[in-house]
Amino acid sequence: MNKHIGIMKSFIKIVILCCAFTVMAQTPDKGIKFGIVADIHHDIMHDAPERLADFLDAAKSNDVDFIIDLGDFCFVKEENRNMVNLWNSFAGDKYHVLGNHDMDNCTKEEYMDFLGIPSRYYSFDKGDFHFIVLDANNLYSDGVFTPYAHGNFYVDMSKREFIDDKQIEWLKNDLKNTDKRCIIFSHQCLENSVGNRETVRKIFEDENERAGFKKVVAAFSGHDHTNYEKVINGIVYVQINSASNQWVGDEYECDSRFSPEIYARRPSLKKVVPWKDSLYAIVTMDNSGFDLKGKASEFIAPTPEDLKIPADFFPYPLVPYIKDFKYSF
C-alpha cells in the first residue's frame, strides 16, 4: 500500500513539474526596451537642448527600461548645466559613454564628475541581458596608454582610440562572469575605428566559443555620425548616427543657414551640415534578437548636394537618418 502511495506521489510531482515547464515555455519573453542617442554636440548645436528633449520625450512615450548616450554630449562648463539637468530629469535608469570631444576642455575625471558618471567603463544587467560600456578614449604610443584630456587626441590616427590593457583584462573577466547575452556600447566603433579593435573583437569571439553559444551578440557605437550595420563573425556592429550633424570642416563652411547671432554663439556650426530633426533610436530586444526603430530627417539647406560635397568625401554614408533595422540572434 505504502509503495503504491509513494509511486502516486512521485507521479503527481512529475505532472506538476511538467505543467510548470509548459507554462514557462508558453510565457512570452518580456524582453527589454532602451533609447539610444549619440553625438548631440551641445557646444556645436545651438538647439541641442531641444534635440535632447525630443529624445527624452520619445523614451518616455515608448516606456523604455533605460536610456544611454553614446558620447560627445557637452563640454564641462557651468553654462552647460542645463543639458545635464535635462538629462537627469528622465525618471528612469540612464547611462553615459565617454566620447572623445567630451574631453576637449577637461580630464576624464572632471567630465565624469560633471555628469555624475561613476566609472569610465562599467557593466550592468537588465532582464536577460548584460550591457558593457567601454572607453576607447586613450592614446597609445611606445607601449604607453595616455587618457584623453584637454584635446590631446588631435594627433596621428594610428596613436588614438585605444582600449587600454587594464580595461581589456576587466572586459575578459566581466564577460566570463555572466551567463547572459552581452551587448556592447562604445563611442568609437569596434568594426573599423578603435586602434586595437581586432584584439577586442577576438575577446568577444573567444568568449562566444568558450560559452558554447552566441553570447556577445551586438555592439553599438556613435562617433562617425553615420548609419550602417556590419556583421563580423556572427556579431553585429551598429553605427548610431549623430542626433544633430556631420562635420565637414573649412572646405565646406557655410554661414547662411542660421542668424549671425546664432553663429556668434556657436561658431563651429558653420563647419557642419546639420539635419532638421533630432535623430535617435528605440531598441526592443528579447532572446530572439532586436528591433531597432530609428528616425529620419532631412538636411538643412544648403545640402551636401548643394555644396557639391563628393560622395566619397567620407568612407561611410553622409545621411540624415537612422534606418529601422532588425537582427536575429
C-alpha atoms as a PDB file:
ATOM      1  CA  MET A   1       0.000   0.000   0.000  1.00  0.00           C
ATOM      2  CA  ASN A   2       2.757   2.449   1.040  1.00  0.00           C
ATOM      3  CA  LYS A   3       4.627   1.516  -2.139  1.00  0.00           C
ATOM      4  CA  HIS A   4       1.617   2.464  -4.276  1.00  0.00           C
ATOM      5  CA  ILE A   5       1.178   5.740  -2.371  1.00  0.00           C
ATOM      6  CA  GLY A   6       4.863   6.578  -2.951  1.00  0.00           C
ATOM      7  CA  ILE A   7       4.547   5.867  -6.660  1.00  0.00           C
ATOM      8  CA  MET A   8       1.432   8.043  -6.836  1.00  0.00           C
ATOM      9  CA  LYS A   9       3.190  10.944  -5.066  1.00  0.00           C
ATOM     10  CA  SER A  10       6.137  10.713  -7.454  1.00  0.00           C
ATOM     11  CA  PHE A  11       3.754  10.698 -10.407  1.00  0.00           C
ATOM     12  CA  ILE A  12       1.978  13.794  -9.108  1.00  0.00           C
ATOM     13  CA  LYS A  13       5.315  15.612  -8.688  1.00  0.00           C
ATOM     14  CA  ILE A  14       6.284  14.785 -12.258  1.00  0.00           C
ATOM     15  CA  VAL A  15       2.926  16.058 -13.549  1.00  0.00           C
ATOM     16  CA  ILE A  16       3.323  19.308 -11.573  1.00  0.00           C
ATOM     17  CA  LEU A  17       6.861  19.829 -12.914  1.00  0.00           C
ATOM     18  CA  CYS A  18       5.745  19.141 -16.470  1.00  0.00           C
ATOM     19  CA  CYS A  19       2.933  21.659 -16.119  1.00  0.00           C
ATOM     20  CA  ALA A  20       5.332  24.239 -14.700  1.00  0.00           C
ATOM     21  CA  PHE A  21       7.775  23.783 -17.579  1.00  0.00           C
ATOM     22  CA  THR A  22       4.908  24.026 -20.049  1.00  0.00           C
ATOM     23  CA  VAL A  23       3.748  27.311 -18.531  1.00  0.00           C
ATOM     24  CA  MET A  24       7.328  28.641 -18.611  1.00  0.00           C
ATOM     25  CA  ALA A  25       7.721  27.625 -22.225  1.00  0.00           C
ATOM     26  CA  GLN A  26       4.454  29.335 -23.154  1.00  0.00           C
ATOM     27  CA  THR A  27       5.236  32.529 -21.229  1.00  0.00           C
ATOM     28  CA  PRO A  28       6.406  35.132 -23.728  1.00  0.00           C
ATOM     29  CA  ASP A  29       9.881  36.600 -23.268  1.00  0.00           C
ATOM     30  CA  LYS A  30       9.194  40.085 -21.879  1.00  0.00           C
ATOM     31  CA  GLY A  31      12.446  41.409 -23.269  1.00  0.00           C
ATOM     32  CA  ILE A  32      13.692  44.938 -22.704  1.00  0.00           C
ATOM     33  CA  LYS A  33      13.496  48.276 -24.451  1.00  0.00           C
ATOM     34  CA  PHE A  34      16.012  51.115 -24.423  1.00  0.00           C
ATOM     35  CA  GLY A  35      16.536  54.513 -26.025  1.00  0.00           C
ATOM     36  CA  ILE A  36      19.897  55.319 -27.586  1.00  0.00           C
ATOM     37  CA  VAL A  37      21.262  58.673 -28.734  1.00  0.00           C
ATOM     38  CA  ALA A  38      24.725  59.733 -29.905  1.00  0.00           C
ATOM     39  CA  ASP A  39      26.796  62.836 -30.617  1.00  0.00           C
ATOM     40  CA  ILE A  40      24.381  65.566 -29.595  1.00  0.00           C
ATOM     41  CA  HIS A  41      27.296  68.070 -29.522  1.00  0.00           C
ATOM     42  CA  HIS A  42      25.766  70.772 -27.384  1.00  0.00           C
ATOM     43  CA  ASP A  43      28.771  73.041 -27.963  1.00  0.00           C
ATOM     44  CA  ILE A  44      28.277  72.961 -31.733  1.00  0.00           C
ATOM     45  CA  MET A  45      24.485  72.848 -31.978  1.00  0.00           C
ATOM     46  CA  HIS A  46      22.538  75.884 -30.773  1.00  0.00           C
ATOM     47  CA  ASP A  47      19.387  73.742 -30.419  1.00  0.00           C
ATOM     48  CA  ALA A  48      20.946  70.761 -28.624  1.00  0.00           C
ATOM     49  CA  PRO A  49      18.590  71.042 -25.600  1.00  0.00           C
ATOM     50  CA  GLU A  50      15.561  70.791 -27.916  1.00  0.00           C
ATOM     51  CA  ARG A  51      17.086  67.751 -29.638  1.00  0.00           C
ATOM     52  CA  LEU A  52      17.755  66.090 -26.285  1.00  0.00           C
ATOM     53  CA  ALA A  53      14.215  66.912 -25.084  1.00  0.00           C
ATOM     54  CA  ASP A  54      12.787  65.270 -28.222  1.00  0.00           C
ATOM     55  CA  PHE A  55      14.756  62.104 -27.471  1.00  0.00           C
ATOM     56  CA  LEU A  56      13.648  62.073 -23.830  1.00  0.00           C
ATOM     57  CA  ASP A  57      10.012  62.529 -24.829  1.00  0.00           C
ATOM     58  CA  ALA A  58      10.300  59.559 -27.205  1.00  0.00           C
ATOM     59  CA  ALA A  59      11.933  57.457 -24.496  1.00  0.00           C
ATOM     60  CA  LYS A  60       9.106  58.262 -22.078  1.00  0.00           C
ATOM     61  CA  SER A  61       6.334  57.599 -24.591  1.00  0.00           C
ATOM     62  CA  ASN A  62       7.938  54.260 -25.512  1.00  0.00           C
ATOM     63  CA  ASP A  63       8.230  53.300 -21.821  1.00  0.00           C
ATOM     64  CA  VAL A  64      11.873  52.261 -22.166  1.00  0.00           C
ATOM     65  CA  ASP A  65      13.774  50.395 -19.455  1.00  0.00           C
ATOM     66  CA  PHE A  66      16.732  52.765 -19.739  1.00  0.00           C
ATOM     67  CA  ILE A  67      18.363  55.404 -21.930  1.00  0.00           C
ATOM     68  CA  ILE A  68      22.000  55.667 -22.987  1.00  0.00           C
ATOM     69  CA  ASP A  69      24.077  58.466 -24.502  1.00  0.00           C
ATOM     70  CA  LEU A  70      26.989  57.261 -26.678  1.00  0.00           C
ATOM     71  CA  GLY A  71      29.191  60.302 -26.024  1.00  0.00           C
ATOM     72  CA  ASP A  72      30.095  63.774 -27.337  1.00  0.00           C
ATOM     73  CA  PHE A  73      27.360  65.191 -25.143  1.00  0.00           C
ATOM     74  CA  CYS A  74      28.644  68.554 -23.856  1.00  0.00           C
ATOM     75  CA  PHE A  75      31.732  70.362 -22.562  1.00  0.00           C
ATOM     76  CA  VAL A  76      32.433  70.831 -18.880  1.00  0.00           C
ATOM     77  CA  LYS A  77      31.365  74.404 -18.213  1.00  0.00           C
ATOM     78  CA  GLU A  78      28.785  75.916 -15.925  1.00  0.00           C
ATOM     79  CA  GLU A  79      26.558  77.181 -18.742  1.00  0.00           C
ATOM     80  CA  ASN A  80      26.059  73.544 -19.812  1.00  0.00           C
ATOM     81  CA  ARG A  81      24.426  72.534 -16.532  1.00  0.00           C
ATOM     82  CA  ASN A  82      21.100  72.856 -18.304  1.00  0.00           C
ATOM     83  CA  MET A  83      21.963  69.868 -20.514  1.00  0.00           C
ATOM     84  CA  VAL A  84      22.995  67.765 -17.540  1.00  0.00           C
ATOM     85  CA  ASN A  85      19.862  68.728 -15.615  1.00  0.00           C
ATOM     86  CA  LEU A  86      17.682  67.961 -18.632  1.00  0.00           C
ATOM     87  CA  TRP A  87      19.256  64.507 -18.990  1.00  0.00           C
ATOM     88  CA  ASN A  88      18.817  63.868 -15.283  1.00  0.00           C
ATOM     89  CA  SER A  89      15.151  64.842 -15.488  1.00  0.00           C
ATOM     90  CA  PHE A  90      14.444  61.459 -17.072  1.00  0.00           C
ATOM     91  CA  ALA A  91      12.855  59.399 -14.313  1.00  0.00           C
ATOM     92  CA  GLY A  92      14.221  56.002 -15.383  1.00  0.00           C
ATOM     93  CA  ASP A  93      17.699  54.497 -15.468  1.00  0.00           C
ATOM     94  CA  LYS A  94      20.207  56.396 -17.585  1.00  0.00           C
ATOM     95  CA  TYR A  95      23.797  55.800 -18.672  1.00  0.00           C
ATOM     96  CA  HIS A  96      26.598  57.702 -20.390  1.00  0.00           C
ATOM     97  CA  VAL A  97      29.512  56.608 -22.594  1.00  0.00           C
ATOM     98  CA  LEU A  98      32.605  58.806 -22.755  1.00  0.00           C
ATOM     99  CA  GLY A  99      33.119  60.489 -26.150  1.00  0.00           C
ATOM    100  CA  ASN A 100      36.390  61.974 -27.381  1.00  0.00           C
ATOM    101  CA  HIS A 101      35.086  65.569 -27.556  1.00  0.00           C
ATOM    102  CA  ASP A 102      33.793  65.312 -24.005  1.00  0.00           C
ATOM    103  CA  MET A 103      37.458  65.752 -23.025  1.00  0.00           C
ATOM    104  CA  ASP A 104      38.152  68.736 -25.289  1.00  0.00           C
ATOM    105  CA  ASN A 105      38.491  71.069 -22.307  1.00  0.00           C
ATOM    106  CA  CYS A 106      38.898  68.775 -19.297  1.00  0.00           C
ATOM    107  CA  THR A 107      40.137  65.434 -17.967  1.00  0.00           C
ATOM    108  CA  LYS A 108      38.042  62.267 -17.851  1.00  0.00           C
ATOM    109  CA  GLU A 109      37.711  62.620 -14.101  1.00  0.00           C
ATOM    110  CA  GLU A 110      36.417  66.179 -14.430  1.00  0.00           C
ATOM    111  CA  TYR A 111      33.922  65.149 -17.084  1.00  0.00           C
ATOM    112  CA  MET A 112      32.665  62.167 -15.089  1.00  0.00           C
ATOM    113  CA  ASP A 113      32.273  64.358 -12.024  1.00  0.00           C
ATOM    114  CA  PHE A 114      30.325  66.957 -14.050  1.00  0.00           C
ATOM    115  CA  LEU A 115      27.840  64.373 -15.340  1.00  0.00           C
ATOM    116  CA  GLY A 116      27.893  62.046 -12.319  1.00  0.00           C
ATOM    117  CA  ILE A 117      29.390  59.056 -14.158  1.00  0.00           C
ATOM    118  CA  PRO A 118      30.816  56.564 -11.619  1.00  0.00           C
ATOM    119  CA  SER A 119      33.381  54.889 -13.878  1.00  0.00           C
ATOM    120  CA  ARG A 120      34.835  55.314 -17.369  1.00  0.00           C
ATOM    121  CA  TYR A 121      33.953  51.686 -18.178  1.00  0.00           C
ATOM    122  CA  TYR A 122      31.370  49.504 -16.441  1.00  0.00           C
ATOM    123  CA  SER A 123      28.587  46.978 -16.927  1.00  0.00           C
ATOM    124  CA  PHE A 124      25.002  46.484 -15.816  1.00  0.00           C
ATOM    125  CA  ASP A 125      22.217  43.915 -16.176  1.00  0.00           C
ATOM    126  CA  LYS A 126      18.718  44.449 -17.479  1.00  0.00           C
ATOM    127  CA  GLY A 127      16.390  41.481 -17.813  1.00  0.00           C
ATOM    128  CA  ASP A 128      18.105  38.646 -19.651  1.00  0.00           C
ATOM    129  CA  PHE A 129      20.910  40.893 -20.924  1.00  0.00           C
ATOM    130  CA  HIS A 130      24.302  42.102 -19.741  1.00  0.00           C
ATOM    131  CA  PHE A 131      25.374  45.518 -21.039  1.00  0.00           C
ATOM    132  CA  ILE A 132      29.012  46.596 -21.198  1.00  0.00           C
ATOM    133  CA  VAL A 133      30.201  50.199 -21.604  1.00  0.00           C
ATOM    134  CA  LEU A 134      33.748  50.647 -22.930  1.00  0.00           C
ATOM    135  CA  ASP A 135      36.139  53.606 -23.049  1.00  0.00           C
ATOM    136  CA  ALA A 136      38.349  53.880 -26.158  1.00  0.00           C
ATOM    137  CA  ASN A 137      39.434  57.432 -25.365  1.00  0.00           C
ATOM    138  CA  ASN A 138      43.110  56.676 -24.939  1.00  0.00           C
ATOM    139  CA  LEU A 139      46.292  57.426 -26.852  1.00  0.00           C
ATOM    140  CA  TYR A 140      48.822  54.633 -27.333  1.00  0.00           C
ATOM    141  CA  SER A 141      52.470  55.195 -28.165  1.00  0.00           C
ATOM    142  CA  ASP A 142      55.665  53.298 -27.309  1.00  0.00           C
ATOM    143  CA  GLY A 143      53.774  50.861 -25.099  1.00  0.00           C
ATOM    144  CA  VAL A 144      52.121  53.581 -23.002  1.00  0.00           C
ATOM    145  CA  PHE A 145      48.405  54.418 -22.777  1.00  0.00           C
ATOM    146  CA  THR A 146      47.548  58.073 -22.147  1.00  0.00           C
ATOM    147  CA  PRO A 147      43.979  59.126 -21.307  1.00  0.00           C
ATOM    148  CA  TYR A 148      42.342  61.801 -23.416  1.00  0.00           C
ATOM    149  CA  ALA A 149      42.437  65.186 -21.672  1.00  0.00           C
ATOM    150  CA  HIS A 150      42.207  68.806 -22.822  1.00  0.00           C
ATOM    151  CA  GLY A 151      42.099  67.912 -26.520  1.00  0.00           C
ATOM    152  CA  ASN A 152      45.374  65.948 -26.546  1.00  0.00           C
ATOM    153  CA  PHE A 153      43.894  63.449 -29.027  1.00  0.00           C
ATOM    154  CA  TYR A 154      44.376  65.716 -32.059  1.00  0.00           C
ATOM    155  CA  VAL A 155      47.303  63.599 -33.220  1.00  0.00           C
ATOM    156  CA  ASP A 156      48.040  60.907 -35.801  1.00  0.00           C
ATOM    157  CA  MET A 157      45.092  58.485 -36.106  1.00  0.00           C
ATOM    158  CA  SER A 158      47.396  55.492 -35.554  1.00  0.00           C
ATOM    159  CA  LYS A 159      48.043  56.671 -31.988  1.00  0.00           C
ATOM    160  CA  ARG A 160      44.494  57.272 -30.790  1.00  0.00           C
ATOM    161  CA  GLU A 161      41.230  55.446 -29.982  1.00  0.00           C
ATOM    162  CA  PHE A 162      42.627  52.575 -27.917  1.00  0.00           C
ATOM    163  CA  ILE A 163      41.133  50.438 -25.165  1.00  0.00           C
ATOM    164  CA  ASP A 164      43.829  50.180 -22.501  1.00  0.00           C
ATOM    165  CA  ASP A 165      45.273  46.932 -21.125  1.00  0.00           C
ATOM    166  CA  LYS A 166      43.670  47.348 -17.695  1.00  0.00           C
ATOM    167  CA  GLN A 167      40.268  47.656 -19.323  1.00  0.00           C
ATOM    168  CA  ILE A 168      40.994  44.693 -21.606  1.00  0.00           C
ATOM    169  CA  GLU A 169      41.595  42.421 -18.603  1.00  0.00           C
ATOM    170  CA  TRP A 170      38.470  43.741 -16.895  1.00  0.00           C
ATOM    171  CA  LEU A 171      36.474  43.054 -20.072  1.00  0.00           C
ATOM    172  CA  LYS A 172      37.623  39.426 -20.255  1.00  0.00           C
ATOM    173  CA  ASN A 173      36.651  38.792 -16.638  1.00  0.00           C
ATOM    174  CA  ASP A 174      33.372  40.674 -16.896  1.00  0.00           C
ATOM    175  CA  LEU A 175      32.310  38.569 -19.877  1.00  0.00           C
ATOM    176  CA  LYS A 176      33.237  35.310 -18.152  1.00  0.00           C
ATOM    177  CA  ASN A 177      31.352  36.255 -15.001  1.00  0.00           C
ATOM    178  CA  THR A 178      27.934  36.461 -16.657  1.00  0.00           C
ATOM    179  CA  ASP A 179      25.789  33.809 -18.317  1.00  0.00           C
ATOM    180  CA  LYS A 180      23.575  36.403 -20.010  1.00  0.00           C
ATOM    181  CA  ARG A 181      23.713  37.574 -23.623  1.00  0.00           C
ATOM    182  CA  CYS A 182      26.009  40.590 -23.864  1.00  0.00           C
ATOM    183  CA  ILE A 183      25.568  43.947 -25.609  1.00  0.00           C
ATOM    184  CA  ILE A 184      28.480  46.378 -26.036  1.00  0.00           C
ATOM    185  CA  PHE A 185      28.328  50.179 -26.032  1.00  0.00           C
ATOM    186  CA  SER A 186      31.263  52.376 -27.058  1.00  0.00           C
ATOM    187  CA  HIS A 187      31.713  55.816 -28.564  1.00  0.00           C
ATOM    188  CA  GLN A 188      34.196  54.811 -31.267  1.00  0.00           C
ATOM    189  CA  CYS A 189      33.233  51.851 -33.427  1.00  0.00           C
ATOM    190  CA  LEU A 190      34.815  48.438 -32.969  1.00  0.00           C
ATOM    191  CA  GLU A 191      34.490  47.435 -36.623  1.00  0.00           C
ATOM    192  CA  ASN A 192      36.836  50.000 -38.178  1.00  0.00           C
ATOM    193  CA  SER A 193      37.840  52.789 -35.793  1.00  0.00           C
ATOM    194  CA  VAL A 194      39.275  51.619 -32.441  1.00  0.00           C
ATOM    195  CA  GLY A 195      43.029  51.158 -32.734  1.00  0.00           C
ATOM    196  CA  ASN A 196      43.110  47.696 -31.146  1.00  0.00           C
ATOM    197  CA  ARG A 197      39.675  46.681 -32.447  1.00  0.00           C
ATOM    198  CA  GLU A 198      40.846  43.270 -33.653  1.00  0.00           C
ATOM    199  CA  THR A 199      42.079  42.419 -30.153  1.00  0.00           C
ATOM    200  CA  VAL A 200      38.743  43.469 -28.654  1.00  0.00           C
ATOM    201  CA  ARG A 201      36.675  41.620 -31.252  1.00  0.00           C
ATOM    202  CA  LYS A 202      38.725  38.463 -30.659  1.00  0.00           C
ATOM    203  CA  ILE A 203      37.833  38.673 -26.964  1.00  0.00           C
ATOM    204  CA  PHE A 204      34.154  38.682 -27.929  1.00  0.00           C
ATOM    205  CA  GLU A 205      34.577  35.805 -30.372  1.00  0.00           C
ATOM    206  CA  ASP A 206      36.690  33.730 -27.963  1.00  0.00           C
ATOM    207  CA  GLU A 207      34.082  34.194 -25.234  1.00  0.00           C
ATOM    208  CA  ASN A 208      31.335  33.053 -27.596  1.00  0.00           C
ATOM    209  CA  GLU A 209      33.350  29.920 -28.364  1.00  0.00           C
ATOM    210  CA  ARG A 210      34.140  29.281 -24.691  1.00  0.00           C
ATOM    211  CA  ALA A 211      30.497  29.775 -23.657  1.00  0.00           C
ATOM    212  CA  GLY A 212      29.232  27.483 -26.396  1.00  0.00           C
ATOM    213  CA  PHE A 213      26.575  29.901 -27.635  1.00  0.00           C
ATOM    214  CA  LYS A 214      26.315  33.336 -29.225  1.00  0.00           C
ATOM    215  CA  LYS A 215      26.905  35.251 -26.014  1.00  0.00           C
ATOM    216  CA  VAL A 216      28.213  38.584 -27.312  1.00  0.00           C
ATOM    217  CA  VAL A 217      25.625  39.468 -29.929  1.00  0.00           C
ATOM    218  CA  ALA A 218      25.810  43.183 -30.720  1.00  0.00           C
ATOM    219  CA  ALA A 219      27.901  46.339 -30.340  1.00  0.00           C
ATOM    220  CA  PHE A 220      26.501  49.868 -30.688  1.00  0.00           C
ATOM    221  CA  SER A 221      28.665  52.938 -31.314  1.00  0.00           C
ATOM    222  CA  GLY A 222      28.499  56.560 -32.447  1.00  0.00           C
ATOM    223  CA  HIS A 223      31.405  58.908 -33.288  1.00  0.00           C
ATOM    224  CA  ASP A 224      31.329  58.701 -37.096  1.00  0.00           C
ATOM    225  CA  HIS A 225      27.958  60.472 -37.487  1.00  0.00           C
ATOM    226  CA  THR A 226      26.580  57.966 -39.947  1.00  0.00           C
ATOM    227  CA  ASN A 227      24.250  54.983 -40.226  1.00  0.00           C
ATOM    228  CA  TYR A 228      25.114  51.386 -41.093  1.00  0.00           C
ATOM    229  CA  GLU A 229      25.337  47.851 -39.734  1.00  0.00           C
ATOM    230  CA  LYS A 230      28.117  45.307 -40.251  1.00  0.00           C
ATOM    231  CA  VAL A 231      28.204  41.662 -39.131  1.00  0.00           C
ATOM    232  CA  ILE A 232      31.653  40.287 -38.264  1.00  0.00           C
ATOM    233  CA  ASN A 233      31.941  36.626 -37.238  1.00  0.00           C
ATOM    234  CA  GLY A 234      28.348  36.480 -36.075  1.00  0.00           C
ATOM    235  CA  ILE A 235      28.344  39.749 -34.082  1.00  0.00           C
ATOM    236  CA  VAL A 236      26.503  42.782 -35.443  1.00  0.00           C
ATOM    237  CA  TYR A 237      28.150  46.208 -35.163  1.00  0.00           C
ATOM    238  CA  VAL A 238      25.626  49.057 -35.380  1.00  0.00           C
ATOM    239  CA  GLN A 239      26.568  52.669 -36.080  1.00  0.00           C
ATOM    240  CA  ILE A 240      24.137  55.138 -34.481  1.00  0.00           C
ATOM    241  CA  ASN A 241      24.019  58.443 -36.352  1.00  0.00           C
ATOM    242  CA  SER A 242      24.527  61.782 -34.628  1.00  0.00           C
ATOM    243  CA  ALA A 243      21.481  63.465 -33.163  1.00  0.00           C
ATOM    244  CA  SER A 244      22.446  66.653 -34.963  1.00  0.00           C
ATOM    245  CA  ASN A 245      25.069  66.920 -37.711  1.00  0.00           C
ATOM    246  CA  GLN A 246      28.128  65.821 -39.671  1.00  0.00           C
ATOM    247  CA  TRP A 247      31.389  67.767 -39.558  1.00  0.00           C
ATOM    248  CA  VAL A 248      32.657  68.917 -42.989  1.00  0.00           C
ATOM    249  CA  GLY A 249      35.308  71.437 -41.930  1.00  0.00           C
ATOM    250  CA  ASP A 250      36.628  74.610 -43.529  1.00  0.00           C
ATOM    251  CA  GLU A 251      36.303  73.363 -47.098  1.00  0.00           C
ATOM    252  CA  TYR A 252      32.501  73.343 -46.989  1.00  0.00           C
ATOM    253  CA  GLU A 253      31.939  76.045 -44.396  1.00  0.00           C
ATOM    254  CA  CYS A 254      28.550  77.746 -44.624  1.00  0.00           C
ATOM    255  CA  ASP A 255      27.116  80.689 -42.661  1.00  0.00           C
ATOM    256  CA  SER A 256      23.741  81.114 -44.402  1.00  0.00           C
ATOM    257  CA  ARG A 257      21.620  78.550 -42.527  1.00  0.00           C
ATOM    258  CA  PHE A 258      21.174  80.481 -39.295  1.00  0.00           C
ATOM    259  CA  SER A 259      21.312  84.038 -37.975  1.00  0.00           C
ATOM    260  CA  PRO A 260      24.570  85.913 -37.244  1.00  0.00           C
ATOM    261  CA  GLU A 261      23.615  85.865 -33.557  1.00  0.00           C
ATOM    262  CA  ILE A 262      23.480  82.054 -33.546  1.00  0.00           C
ATOM    263  CA  TYR A 263      26.829  81.771 -35.319  1.00  0.00           C
ATOM    264  CA  ALA A 264      28.338  84.209 -32.831  1.00  0.00           C
ATOM    265  CA  ARG A 265      27.333  81.827 -30.041  1.00  0.00           C
ATOM    266  CA  ARG A 266      28.183  78.655 -31.965  1.00  0.00           C
ATOM    267  CA  PRO A 267      30.957  79.453 -34.496  1.00  0.00           C
ATOM    268  CA  SER A 268      31.658  75.766 -35.231  1.00  0.00           C
ATOM    269  CA  LEU A 269      28.115  75.469 -36.569  1.00  0.00           C
ATOM    270  CA  LYS A 270      29.460  76.874 -39.861  1.00  0.00           C
ATOM    271  CA  LYS A 271      31.599  73.769 -40.323  1.00  0.00           C
ATOM    272  CA  VAL A 272      28.853  71.144 -40.123  1.00  0.00           C
ATOM    273  CA  VAL A 273      25.936  70.011 -42.237  1.00  0.00           C
ATOM    274  CA  PRO A 274      23.029  69.764 -39.788  1.00  0.00           C
ATOM    275  CA  TRP A 275      19.715  67.955 -40.097  1.00  0.00           C
ATOM    276  CA  LYS A 276      16.367  69.426 -39.139  1.00  0.00           C
ATOM    277  CA  ASP A 277      15.307  66.892 -36.529  1.00  0.00           C
ATOM    278  CA  SER A 278      16.943  65.069 -33.664  1.00  0.00           C
ATOM    279  CA  LEU A 279      17.988  61.517 -34.567  1.00  0.00           C
ATOM    280  CA  TYR A 280      17.896  58.598 -32.116  1.00  0.00           C
ATOM    281  CA  ALA A 281      16.671  55.022 -31.884  1.00  0.00           C
ATOM    282  CA  ILE A 282      14.407  52.905 -29.711  1.00  0.00           C
ATOM    283  CA  VAL A 283      15.601  49.306 -29.449  1.00  0.00           C
ATOM    284  CA  THR A 284      13.340  46.429 -28.390  1.00  0.00           C
ATOM    285  CA  MET A 285      15.293  43.277 -27.540  1.00  0.00           C
ATOM    286  CA  ASP A 286      14.493  39.734 -26.459  1.00  0.00           C
ATOM    287  CA  ASN A 287      16.266  36.387 -26.643  1.00  0.00           C
ATOM    288  CA  SER A 288      15.465  36.004 -30.341  1.00  0.00           C
ATOM    289  CA  GLY A 289      17.011  39.308 -31.464  1.00  0.00           C
ATOM    290  CA  PHE A 290      16.271  43.022 -31.571  1.00  0.00           C
ATOM    291  CA  ASP A 291      14.154  45.508 -33.475  1.00  0.00           C
ATOM    292  CA  LEU A 292      15.688  48.984 -33.847  1.00  0.00           C
ATOM    293  CA  LYS A 293      13.278  51.775 -34.720  1.00  0.00           C
ATOM    294  CA  GLY A 294      15.198  54.779 -35.993  1.00  0.00           C
ATOM    295  CA  LYS A 295      14.212  58.257 -37.072  1.00  0.00           C
ATOM    296  CA  ALA A 296      14.513  60.061 -40.395  1.00  0.00           C
ATOM    297  CA  SER A 297      15.106  63.754 -41.027  1.00  0.00           C
ATOM    298  CA  GLU A 298      16.488  65.881 -43.865  1.00  0.00           C
ATOM    299  CA  PHE A 299      19.420  68.236 -44.318  1.00  0.00           C
ATOM    300  CA  ILE A 300      19.000  71.926 -43.557  1.00  0.00           C
ATOM    301  CA  ALA A 301      19.791  73.707 -46.835  1.00  0.00           C
ATOM    302  CA  PRO A 302      22.246  74.158 -48.343  1.00  0.00           C
ATOM    303  CA  THR A 303      22.503  70.382 -48.507  1.00  0.00           C
ATOM    304  CA  PRO A 304      25.666  68.360 -49.220  1.00  0.00           C
ATOM    305  CA  GLU A 305      24.488  68.184 -52.826  1.00  0.00           C
ATOM    306  CA  ASP A 306      24.077  71.986 -52.935  1.00  0.00           C
ATOM    307  CA  LEU A 307      27.608  72.378 -51.571  1.00  0.00           C
ATOM    308  CA  LYS A 308      28.896  69.808 -54.082  1.00  0.00           C
ATOM    309  CA  ILE A 309      30.367  67.591 -51.360  1.00  0.00           C
ATOM    310  CA  PRO A 310      31.589  64.490 -53.248  1.00  0.00           C
ATOM    311  CA  ALA A 311      30.021  61.127 -52.459  1.00  0.00           C
ATOM    312  CA  ASP A 312      33.437  59.751 -51.441  1.00  0.00           C
ATOM    313  CA  PHE A 313      34.244  62.643 -49.075  1.00  0.00           C
ATOM    314  CA  PHE A 314      33.738  60.158 -46.217  1.00  0.00           C
ATOM    315  CA  PRO A 315      34.376  56.403 -46.292  1.00  0.00           C
ATOM    316  CA  TYR A 316      30.828  55.964 -44.975  1.00  0.00           C
ATOM    317  CA  PRO A 317      27.396  57.396 -45.876  1.00  0.00           C
ATOM    318  CA  LEU A 318      26.569  61.059 -45.201  1.00  0.00           C
ATOM    319  CA  VAL A 319      22.882  60.666 -44.378  1.00  0.00           C
ATOM    320  CA  PRO A 320      20.280  62.445 -42.172  1.00  0.00           C
ATOM    321  CA  TYR A 321      18.620  59.368 -40.735  1.00  0.00           C
ATOM    322  CA  ILE A 322      18.816  56.227 -38.618  1.00  0.00           C
ATOM    323  CA  LYS A 323      17.160  53.399 -40.511  1.00  0.00           C
ATOM    324  CA  ASP A 324      14.925  50.787 -38.930  1.00  0.00           C
ATOM    325  CA  PHE A 325      16.853  47.546 -38.520  1.00  0.00           C
ATOM    326  CA  LYS A 326      16.034  44.033 -37.316  1.00  0.00           C
ATOM    327  CA  TYR A 327      18.580  41.436 -36.276  1.00  0.00           C
ATOM    328  CA  SER A 328      18.111  37.826 -35.150  1.00  0.00           C
ATOM    329  CA  PHE A 329      20.413  36.198 -32.632  1.00  0.00           C
END
